[in-house]
Protein backbone atom coordinates (compact mmCIF):
# COMPACT_ATOMS: atom_id res chain seq x y z
CA MET A 1 108.09 99.08 139.31
CA THR A 2 106.56 102.55 139.64
CA PRO A 3 106.97 104.03 143.16
CA LYS A 4 103.72 104.30 145.08
CA ALA A 5 104.06 108.08 145.46
CA ILE A 6 104.14 108.59 141.69
CA VAL A 7 101.11 106.40 140.80
CA PRO A 8 98.52 109.20 141.52
CA VAL A 9 100.50 111.51 139.20
CA ILE A 10 100.23 109.06 136.31
CA ASP A 11 96.52 108.52 137.04
CA SER A 12 95.96 112.29 136.95
CA MET A 13 97.82 112.61 133.64
CA LEU A 14 95.66 109.88 132.07
CA ALA A 15 92.50 111.59 133.36
CA GLU A 16 93.57 114.90 131.80
CA ILE A 17 94.18 113.19 128.44
CA GLY A 18 90.66 111.75 128.72
CA GLY A 19 89.39 115.31 129.24
CA LEU A 20 91.07 116.42 126.02
CA GLY A 21 89.38 113.54 124.23
CA PHE A 22 86.01 114.75 125.51
CA ILE A 23 86.71 118.25 124.16
CA GLY A 24 87.45 116.72 120.76
CA LEU A 25 84.25 114.68 120.87
CA PHE A 26 82.21 117.78 121.74
CA LEU A 27 83.72 119.83 118.91
CA SER A 28 83.12 117.08 116.36
CA THR A 29 79.53 116.31 117.42
CA ALA A 30 78.24 119.76 118.41
CA VAL A 31 80.29 122.15 116.25
CA THR A 32 81.87 120.85 113.06
CA GLY A 33 79.30 118.13 112.47
CA GLY A 34 76.48 119.16 114.78
CA PRO A 35 73.76 121.77 115.35
CA LEU A 36 76.24 124.64 115.82
CA GLY A 37 77.84 123.93 112.45
CA ASN A 38 75.25 125.92 110.49
CA VAL A 39 75.64 128.94 112.80
CA ILE A 40 79.42 128.91 112.54
CA GLY A 41 79.23 128.36 108.79
CA ALA A 42 76.96 131.40 108.43
CA LEU A 43 79.33 133.55 110.54
CA SER A 44 82.24 132.36 108.44
CA GLU A 45 80.43 133.20 105.21
CA GLU A 46 79.43 136.64 106.52
CA PHE A 47 82.79 137.80 107.90
CA LEU A 48 85.41 135.66 106.12
CA GLY A 49 83.76 135.05 102.78
CA ASP A 50 84.14 131.27 103.02
CA GLU A 51 81.61 129.03 104.76
CA GLU A 52 84.13 126.29 105.55
CA LEU A 53 87.02 128.47 106.79
CA LEU A 54 85.81 128.97 110.37
CA LEU A 55 84.75 125.34 110.71
CA GLU A 56 88.18 124.21 109.58
CA THR A 57 89.70 126.64 112.10
CA PHE A 58 87.75 124.95 114.89
CA GLU A 59 89.15 121.63 113.77
CA PHE A 60 92.65 123.15 113.79
CA LEU A 61 92.09 124.52 117.31
CA HIS A 62 91.06 121.11 118.58
CA THR A 63 94.11 119.51 116.96
CA PHE A 64 96.40 122.19 118.37
CA PHE A 65 94.94 121.92 121.89
CA PHE A 66 95.40 118.17 121.75
CA GLU A 67 99.02 118.55 120.61
CA VAL A 68 99.73 121.04 123.41
CA GLY A 69 98.04 118.80 125.97
CA ILE A 70 99.95 115.71 124.93
CA SER A 71 103.23 117.67 124.80
CA PHE A 72 102.54 119.04 128.28
CA PHE A 73 102.09 115.55 129.67
CA VAL A 74 105.25 114.39 127.88
CA VAL A 75 107.13 117.18 129.69
CA ALA A 76 105.39 116.22 132.93
CA GLY A 77 106.56 112.67 132.31
CA ILE A 78 110.12 113.94 131.91
CA VAL A 79 109.79 115.77 135.24
CA VAL A 80 108.48 112.55 136.81
CA GLY A 81 111.51 110.76 135.39
CA ALA A 82 113.83 113.40 136.82
CA VAL A 83 112.15 113.02 140.22
CA LEU A 84 112.52 109.24 140.15
CA ARG A 85 116.15 109.60 139.12
CA GLU A 86 116.76 112.02 142.00
CA VAL A 87 115.22 109.65 144.51
CA GLN A 88 117.18 106.66 143.18
CA LYS A 89 120.44 108.59 142.98
CA LEU A 90 120.16 109.87 146.55
CA SER A 91 120.61 106.50 148.18
CA GLU A 92 123.22 105.36 145.64
CA ILE A 93 125.34 108.51 145.94
CA SER A 94 125.24 108.57 149.72
CA GLU A 95 126.64 105.03 149.74
CA LEU A 96 129.21 105.30 146.95
CA ALA A 97 130.38 108.91 147.01
CA LEU A 98 129.90 110.15 150.56
CA ASP A 99 130.24 107.06 152.76
CA ALA A 100 134.04 107.15 152.78
CA ASP A 101 134.69 104.33 155.27
CA GLY A 102 132.02 102.03 153.82
CA ASP A 103 130.25 101.43 157.14
CA GLY A 104 126.81 102.17 155.64
CA GLU A 105 126.40 105.46 157.53
CA VAL A 106 127.22 108.94 156.26
CA THR A 107 128.68 111.02 159.10
CA LEU A 108 128.91 114.82 159.18
CA ASP A 109 132.65 114.58 158.58
CA GLU A 110 132.10 112.39 155.52
CA LEU A 111 129.44 114.80 154.28
CA ALA A 112 131.83 117.71 154.72
CA ASP A 113 134.59 115.89 152.83
CA GLY A 114 132.26 114.72 150.05
CA LEU A 115 130.85 118.22 149.53
CA ASN A 116 134.28 119.91 149.76
CA VAL A 117 133.22 122.08 152.69
CA GLU A 118 135.89 124.65 153.52
CA SER A 119 137.38 124.88 156.99
CA MET A 120 136.70 127.94 159.13
CA ILE A 121 136.96 129.08 162.73
CA VAL A 122 133.56 128.79 164.39
CA ASP A 123 134.60 128.79 168.04
CA LEU A 124 135.92 132.37 167.95
CA ASP A 125 136.98 132.62 171.61
CA GLY A 126 138.33 129.07 171.77
CA ASP A 127 136.41 128.13 174.91
CA GLY A 128 135.11 124.90 173.39
CA VAL A 129 131.51 126.11 173.41
CA ILE A 130 129.82 127.53 170.30
CA ASP A 131 127.27 130.13 171.37
CA GLN A 132 124.56 131.91 169.36
CA TYR A 133 126.83 134.86 168.52
CA GLU A 134 129.49 132.56 167.05
CA ILE A 135 126.84 130.64 165.08
CA ALA A 136 125.48 133.91 163.63
CA GLU A 137 128.98 135.10 162.67
CA ALA A 138 129.76 131.79 160.97
CA LEU A 139 126.52 131.91 158.98
CA ARG A 140 127.21 135.48 157.84
CA ILE A 141 130.76 134.64 156.75
CA VAL A 142 129.54 131.65 154.70
CA ALA A 143 126.77 133.76 153.13
CA ALA A 144 129.20 136.55 152.20
CA ASN A 145 131.59 134.14 150.44
CA GLU A 146 129.05 132.28 148.30
CA LYS A 147 128.75 132.63 144.55
CA ASN A 148 125.76 133.57 142.40
CA VAL A 149 122.91 131.24 143.29
CA PHE A 150 121.62 130.89 139.71
CA PHE A 151 124.87 129.65 138.19
CA GLU A 152 125.69 127.62 141.29
CA GLU A 153 122.39 125.81 140.97
CA LEU A 154 122.90 125.19 137.24
CA SER A 155 126.32 123.62 137.82
CA MET A 156 125.34 121.54 140.86
CA THR A 157 126.35 117.88 140.61
CA ASP A 158 124.30 114.86 141.66
CA THR A 159 126.63 114.37 144.63
CA GLU A 160 126.11 117.94 145.82
CA ARG A 161 122.33 117.69 145.46
CA ALA A 162 122.32 114.38 147.35
CA GLY A 163 124.48 116.05 149.99
CA GLU A 164 121.82 118.75 150.43
CA CYS A 165 119.20 116.08 151.07
CA LEU A 166 121.43 114.33 153.60
CA VAL A 167 122.12 117.62 155.40
CA ILE A 168 118.35 118.14 155.63
CA ARG A 169 118.07 114.59 156.97
CA GLU A 170 120.57 115.37 159.74
CA ARG A 171 118.58 118.48 160.61
CA MET A 172 115.32 116.49 160.77
CA ILE A 173 116.90 113.81 162.96
CA GLU A 174 118.23 116.50 165.28
CA GLN A 175 115.02 118.56 165.45
CA MET A 176 112.43 115.76 165.45
CA GLY A 177 114.28 113.02 167.30
CA LEU A 178 114.12 110.59 164.39
CA SER A 179 116.12 107.39 164.29
CA GLU A 180 119.33 107.03 162.30
CA THR A 181 117.49 104.67 159.97
CA PHE A 182 115.23 107.46 158.68
CA GLU A 183 115.30 107.41 154.86
CA ILE A 184 115.03 110.96 153.55
CA GLU A 185 114.59 109.73 149.95
CA ASN A 186 111.21 108.19 150.84
CA TYR A 187 110.08 111.44 152.42
CA PHE A 188 111.00 113.53 149.39
CA ALA A 189 109.51 110.95 147.02
CA GLU A 190 106.15 111.45 148.77
CA VAL A 191 106.50 115.25 148.70
CA PHE A 192 107.42 115.18 145.00
CA GLY A 193 104.44 112.95 144.24
CA GLN A 194 101.96 115.16 146.12
CA GLU A 195 103.13 118.38 144.49
CA LEU A 196 103.53 116.94 141.01
CA LYS A 197 99.99 115.55 141.07
CA LYS A 198 98.69 119.11 141.54
CA ASN A 199 100.84 120.43 138.72
CA VAL A 200 99.55 118.03 136.06
CA GLU A 201 95.89 118.83 136.75
CA LEU A 202 94.94 121.39 134.10
CA SER A 203 91.95 123.59 134.82
CA PRO A 204 89.73 124.38 131.78
CA VAL A 205 90.53 128.06 132.43
CA THR A 206 94.17 127.26 131.64
CA TRP A 207 93.32 127.04 127.95
CA LEU A 208 91.81 130.54 127.74
CA PRO A 209 95.14 132.47 127.41
CA LEU A 210 95.91 130.40 124.30
CA ILE A 211 92.99 132.00 122.47
CA PRO A 212 94.51 135.51 122.02
CA LEU A 213 97.90 133.94 121.21
CA ILE A 214 96.40 131.79 118.46
CA ALA A 215 94.12 134.59 117.28
CA ILE A 216 97.05 136.97 116.72
CA ASP A 217 99.21 134.42 114.97
CA ASN A 218 96.34 132.92 112.99
CA SER A 219 95.38 136.34 111.67
CA VAL A 220 98.27 135.89 109.21
CA ASP A 221 96.67 132.67 107.92
CA LEU A 222 93.05 133.79 107.95
CA THR A 223 93.72 136.96 105.97
CA ARG A 224 95.12 134.71 103.22
CA ASP A 225 92.34 132.07 103.41
CA VAL A 226 94.76 129.63 105.06
CA VAL A 227 93.61 127.52 108.02
CA SER A 228 96.91 126.10 109.26
CA ALA A 229 100.28 124.70 108.21
CA ALA A 230 98.45 121.55 107.08
CA SER A 231 96.40 123.44 104.46
CA SER A 232 97.15 122.92 100.76
CA ASN A 233 97.82 126.67 100.36
CA ALA A 234 99.81 126.98 103.61
CA PHE A 235 102.95 128.36 101.92
CA GLU A 236 101.07 131.58 101.06
CA SER A 237 101.59 132.69 104.69
CA CYS A 238 105.35 131.98 104.79
CA GLY A 239 107.31 135.11 105.65
CA PHE A 240 104.29 137.13 106.77
CA PHE A 241 104.64 136.16 110.45
CA PHE A 242 107.90 138.13 110.42
CA ALA A 243 106.58 140.85 108.12
CA SER A 244 103.45 141.51 110.23
CA PRO A 245 104.41 143.96 113.02
CA TRP A 246 101.54 143.00 115.36
CA VAL A 247 102.54 139.33 115.16
CA LEU A 248 106.30 139.90 115.40
CA ASN A 249 106.16 142.40 118.27
CA SER A 250 103.61 140.48 120.32
CA THR A 251 105.62 137.26 119.91
CA ILE A 252 108.89 138.94 120.94
CA PHE A 253 107.16 140.40 124.00
CA LEU A 254 105.71 137.02 124.98
CA GLN A 255 109.05 135.26 124.50
CA ILE A 256 110.90 137.80 126.68
CA LEU A 257 108.16 137.58 129.31
CA SER A 258 108.36 133.78 129.31
CA LEU A 259 112.18 133.75 129.60
CA VAL A 260 112.21 136.26 132.48
CA TRP A 261 109.44 134.29 134.18
CA ALA A 262 111.38 131.01 133.94
CA ILE A 263 114.62 132.51 135.21
CA PHE A 264 112.84 134.28 138.07
CA ASN A 265 111.06 131.10 139.21
CA PHE A 266 114.34 129.17 139.04
CA TRP A 267 116.23 131.87 140.96
CA LYS A 268 113.54 132.42 143.59
CA PHE A 269 113.14 128.76 144.56
CA ALA A 270 116.92 128.23 144.62
CA SER A 271 117.48 131.36 146.73
CA ILE A 272 114.85 130.40 149.30
CA LYS A 273 116.18 126.84 149.41
CA ARG A 274 119.64 128.18 150.20
CA MET A 275 118.21 130.13 153.14
CA LEU A 276 116.41 127.03 154.45
CA LEU A 277 119.31 124.58 154.16
CA PRO A 278 121.32 123.87 157.31
CA THR A 279 124.89 125.09 156.95
CA LEU A 280 127.63 122.48 157.19
CA VAL A 281 131.05 123.80 158.19
CA LYS A 282 134.30 122.19 159.19
CA GLY A 283 136.36 123.38 162.12
CA SER A 284 139.74 124.84 161.22
CA GLY A 285 142.84 122.73 161.61
CA GLY A 286 141.11 119.45 160.76
CA GLY A 287 138.40 119.88 163.37
CA GLU A 288 135.11 118.05 163.37
CA ALA A 289 132.31 119.05 161.03
CA ILE A 290 129.55 121.14 162.58
CA LEU A 291 125.94 121.43 161.40
CA LEU A 292 124.77 125.02 161.89
CA PRO A 293 121.09 126.00 161.71
CA PRO A 294 119.62 127.40 158.46
CA ARG A 295 120.36 131.02 157.70
CA TYR A 296 116.75 132.12 157.96
CA GLU A 297 116.99 131.69 161.73
CA ASP A 298 119.45 134.59 161.84
CA GLU A 299 117.43 137.80 161.97
CA GLN A 300 120.03 139.93 160.18
CA LEU A 301 120.42 137.53 157.24
CA ARG A 302 116.64 137.19 157.00
CA LYS A 303 116.19 140.97 156.83
CA GLU A 304 118.91 141.31 154.17
CA PHE A 305 117.33 138.58 152.05
CA ASN A 306 114.95 139.76 149.32
CA SER A 307 113.26 137.26 147.01
CA SER A 308 111.00 139.90 145.40
CA PRO A 309 113.32 142.50 143.84
CA PHE A 310 112.39 145.40 141.57
CA ILE A 311 109.20 145.08 139.55
CA PHE A 312 108.68 141.48 140.67
CA GLU A 313 107.35 142.72 144.01
CA TRP A 314 104.54 144.62 142.28
CA ALA A 315 103.79 141.70 139.95
CA GLU A 316 103.63 139.16 142.80
CA GLN A 317 101.27 141.30 144.83
CA PHE A 318 99.10 142.04 141.79
CA PHE A 319 98.68 138.41 140.74
CA THR A 320 98.06 137.21 144.31
CA ASN A 321 95.47 139.88 145.17
CA GLY A 322 97.60 141.69 147.71
CA GLY A 323 100.20 139.06 148.48
CA SER A 324 101.92 139.65 151.82
CA ASP A 325 99.67 142.66 152.52
CA ALA A 326 96.53 140.51 152.35
CA SER A 327 98.16 137.33 153.72
CA PRO A 328 101.16 138.35 155.86
CA PRO A 329 103.75 135.66 156.68
CA THR A 330 102.92 133.65 159.79
CA ASN A 331 106.50 132.62 160.60
CA ALA A 332 110.14 133.25 159.70
CA HIS A 333 109.97 130.61 156.96
CA GLU A 334 107.18 132.44 155.13
CA GLU A 335 109.02 135.76 155.45
CA LEU A 336 111.45 134.39 152.85
CA PHE A 337 108.64 134.26 150.28
CA GLY A 338 108.77 138.04 149.86
CA ALA A 339 105.83 139.94 148.40
CA VAL A 340 103.72 136.77 148.03
CA GLY A 341 103.65 136.15 151.78
CA ALA A 342 101.66 133.18 153.04
CA LYS A 343 100.18 132.64 149.54
CA PHE A 344 103.51 131.34 148.24
CA LYS A 345 102.70 127.63 148.13
CA LYS A 346 99.53 127.95 146.10
CA SER A 347 100.55 130.86 143.88
CA PHE A 348 103.98 129.57 142.90
CA GLY A 349 102.77 126.02 142.41
CA THR A 350 100.32 127.50 139.90
CA SER A 351 103.06 129.73 138.47
CA PHE A 352 105.32 126.74 137.80
CA GLN A 353 102.47 124.76 136.24
CA PHE A 354 101.20 127.57 134.03
CA HIS A 355 104.65 128.61 132.83
CA THR A 356 105.52 125.03 131.88
CA TRP A 357 102.24 124.73 129.99
CA LEU A 358 102.78 128.10 128.22
CA THR A 359 106.30 127.13 127.18
CA VAL A 360 105.02 123.87 125.72
CA ALA A 361 102.34 125.80 123.80
CA LEU A 362 104.94 128.23 122.41
CA ILE A 363 107.20 125.39 121.26
CA THR A 364 104.31 123.50 119.68
CA TYR A 365 103.05 126.52 117.75
CA SER A 366 106.48 127.83 116.69
CA THR A 367 107.63 124.48 115.36
CA SER A 368 104.44 123.02 113.85
CA GLN A 369 102.99 126.22 112.37
CA ILE A 370 106.02 128.30 111.40
CA VAL A 371 109.47 126.65 111.52
CA LEU A 372 108.47 123.36 109.87
CA ARG A 373 106.23 125.14 107.33
CA ASP A 374 109.02 127.56 106.33
CA GLY A 375 111.55 124.74 106.26
CA ALA A 376 109.29 122.68 103.98
CA ALA A 377 108.83 125.66 101.65
CA LEU A 378 112.59 126.18 101.38
CA PHE A 379 113.30 122.46 100.97
CA LEU A 380 110.69 121.99 98.25
CA GLY A 381 111.54 125.27 96.52
CA ALA A 382 107.88 126.26 96.74
CA GLU A 383 106.70 129.81 96.18
CA ALA A 384 106.43 131.55 99.56
CA GLY A 385 103.99 134.32 100.34
CA ASN A 386 106.81 136.72 101.19
CA PRO A 387 110.14 135.28 100.00
CA ASP A 388 112.13 138.30 101.24
CA THR A 389 111.37 137.57 104.91
CA ILE A 390 111.08 133.79 105.02
CA MET A 391 114.73 133.29 106.02
CA PRO A 392 114.70 135.84 108.89
CA GLU A 393 111.38 134.33 109.97
CA ILE A 394 112.66 130.75 110.22
CA ILE A 395 115.84 131.90 112.02
CA LEU A 396 113.99 134.07 114.56
CA TRP A 397 111.32 131.48 115.37
CA SER A 398 114.01 128.83 115.68
CA ILE A 399 115.69 131.07 118.27
CA PHE A 400 112.34 131.38 120.04
CA THR A 401 112.02 127.59 120.07
CA ALA A 402 115.56 127.17 121.45
CA SER A 403 114.78 129.71 124.18
CA SER A 404 111.63 127.81 125.15
CA ILE A 405 113.52 124.51 125.23
CA PHE A 406 116.11 126.12 127.54
CA GLN A 407 113.28 127.24 129.81
CA LEU A 408 111.88 123.72 129.88
CA SER A 409 115.33 122.38 130.79
CA LEU A 410 115.10 124.44 133.99
CA ALA A 411 111.73 122.94 134.93
CA PRO A 412 112.87 119.74 136.72
CA THR A 413 115.34 121.59 138.96
CA THR A 414 112.83 124.40 139.55
CA PHE A 415 110.22 121.88 140.61
CA LEU A 416 112.61 119.96 142.88
CA ASN A 417 113.65 123.18 144.62
CA TYR A 418 109.99 124.16 145.01
CA CYS A 419 109.38 120.81 146.73
CA PHE A 420 112.31 121.43 149.07
CA VAL A 421 110.97 124.89 149.93
CA VAL A 422 107.49 123.57 150.81
CA GLY A 423 108.71 120.36 152.46
CA VAL A 424 111.27 121.37 155.10
CA GLU A 425 111.54 123.45 158.29
CA LYS A 426 108.18 125.08 159.16
CA TYR A 427 106.60 123.26 156.22
CA THR A 428 107.87 119.82 157.23
CA LYS A 429 105.00 117.36 156.85
CA GLY A 430 104.82 115.73 160.27
CA GLU A 431 101.95 113.39 159.37
CA LEU A 432 103.86 112.13 156.36
CA ILE A 433 106.95 111.41 158.46
CA ASP A 434 104.83 109.57 161.04
CA ARG A 435 103.33 107.42 158.27
CA LEU A 436 106.76 106.63 156.83
CA LEU A 437 108.05 105.67 160.27
CA PHE A 438 105.00 103.44 160.79
CA ASP A 439 105.57 101.78 157.41
CA GLU A 440 109.21 101.25 158.34
CA LEU A 441 108.22 99.58 161.62
CA CYS A 442 105.78 97.33 159.76
CA VAL A 443 108.51 96.27 157.32
CA LEU A 444 110.93 95.57 160.18
CA GLY A 445 108.23 93.65 162.03
CA ASN A 446 107.42 91.52 158.98
CA SER A 447 111.11 90.89 158.38
CA ALA A 448 111.61 89.82 162.00
CA ALA A 449 108.55 87.55 161.82
CA ALA A 450 109.79 85.99 158.59
CA LEU A 451 113.23 85.46 160.14
CA ASN A 452 111.76 83.85 163.26
CA GLY A 453 109.57 81.63 161.10
CA GLU A 454 112.59 80.48 159.11
CA GLU A 455 114.52 79.71 162.32
CA GLU A 456 111.53 77.74 163.69
CA LYS A 457 111.30 75.79 160.46
CA GLN A 458 115.00 74.87 160.65
CA LEU A 459 114.60 73.71 164.26
CA ILE A 460 111.69 71.45 163.27
CA GLU A 461 113.66 69.99 160.40
CA ASN A 462 116.66 69.36 162.64
């Protein structure tokens, strides 16, 4: 059964697919077979020398947009699957891997053992009281000894990720006075659902950046009277994508930009999440585990933290119309967002969505229009347009495709970390927690009523 929090996401995906169908209907009725057909045919005859070429290109564009749209929703479905898996694994792992004594409750000591937390001296003066100075020193020591956040996040196991959620749960119970029965997996399932619903809603403007990308690449086909890889004369373009400097250089630039973008998003969300996570330490000499506050509460660590290094600071402020200058952070949590400031939630939600969509578009074009076409030409022994460069072309665009697939592999973890960042501490959704607690009370009440009814029935029978 599909969790309630994910149902709106699926509904939104189906609605977007319906929108793509409408675009196809418009193109077929108003352009290729409608009143605009004559105008486009005349333009095609005037500038391309073939009345049908531009009309066929419109049909190709519609097909390509549909392929990209469907592929995007397939990837979104994979992210939904990863979210569901994370929610299901959380409860299972906490019971099997972290609940050492099998009593159904994961204590701080069990968390520390399950996550292999190292022992350290927190009570520096040994007076039995841990003051703010000792907390700050412990946080700084832990921060100084940690490894690179990017590779640490890549190698994180399911148990470690579940442990993070349970540490957040302990922090919420402590800060908000929640009961020990509070189920953090339900909270994050709702947060994931809310954020994912926004990320599968494609604005019509989203399709505009594809136009220059397709125009540059399709210039190779159009100059040889080829519409697409499905054309009967498609092999005449093989090798010229590599041999055309404006196509090769622009594609290399876009691929590098996309890779840097993916890695930066992944790193930024993971880095901020690390600052927002409570720090679990274990007292030296087999002492009890201690839950320290998140690092962002320490002023020194917060000042040393920079999530907008180098040129990224300029880029973030440019694309957010001033970023932190126009919308300064309103609390210590938002200070972690760097140059974006208080615009982080909206701007980086859009950034994640748009990058995922762009990566899907790059994969779809590289494979369907270049790699598969070149591969078919080599397999069939057909005459290629430029046989000297067809092999370098298929190798390079295959590398581009592999790079894009790697970027997509980062998407589920990037999205999960984004949800953590906008769902804890100052961004904790109090109304959502209240609703979950109310639902829990209703379930308990119904269970108690059912139990009482069963007991009453047995008494009557007896």
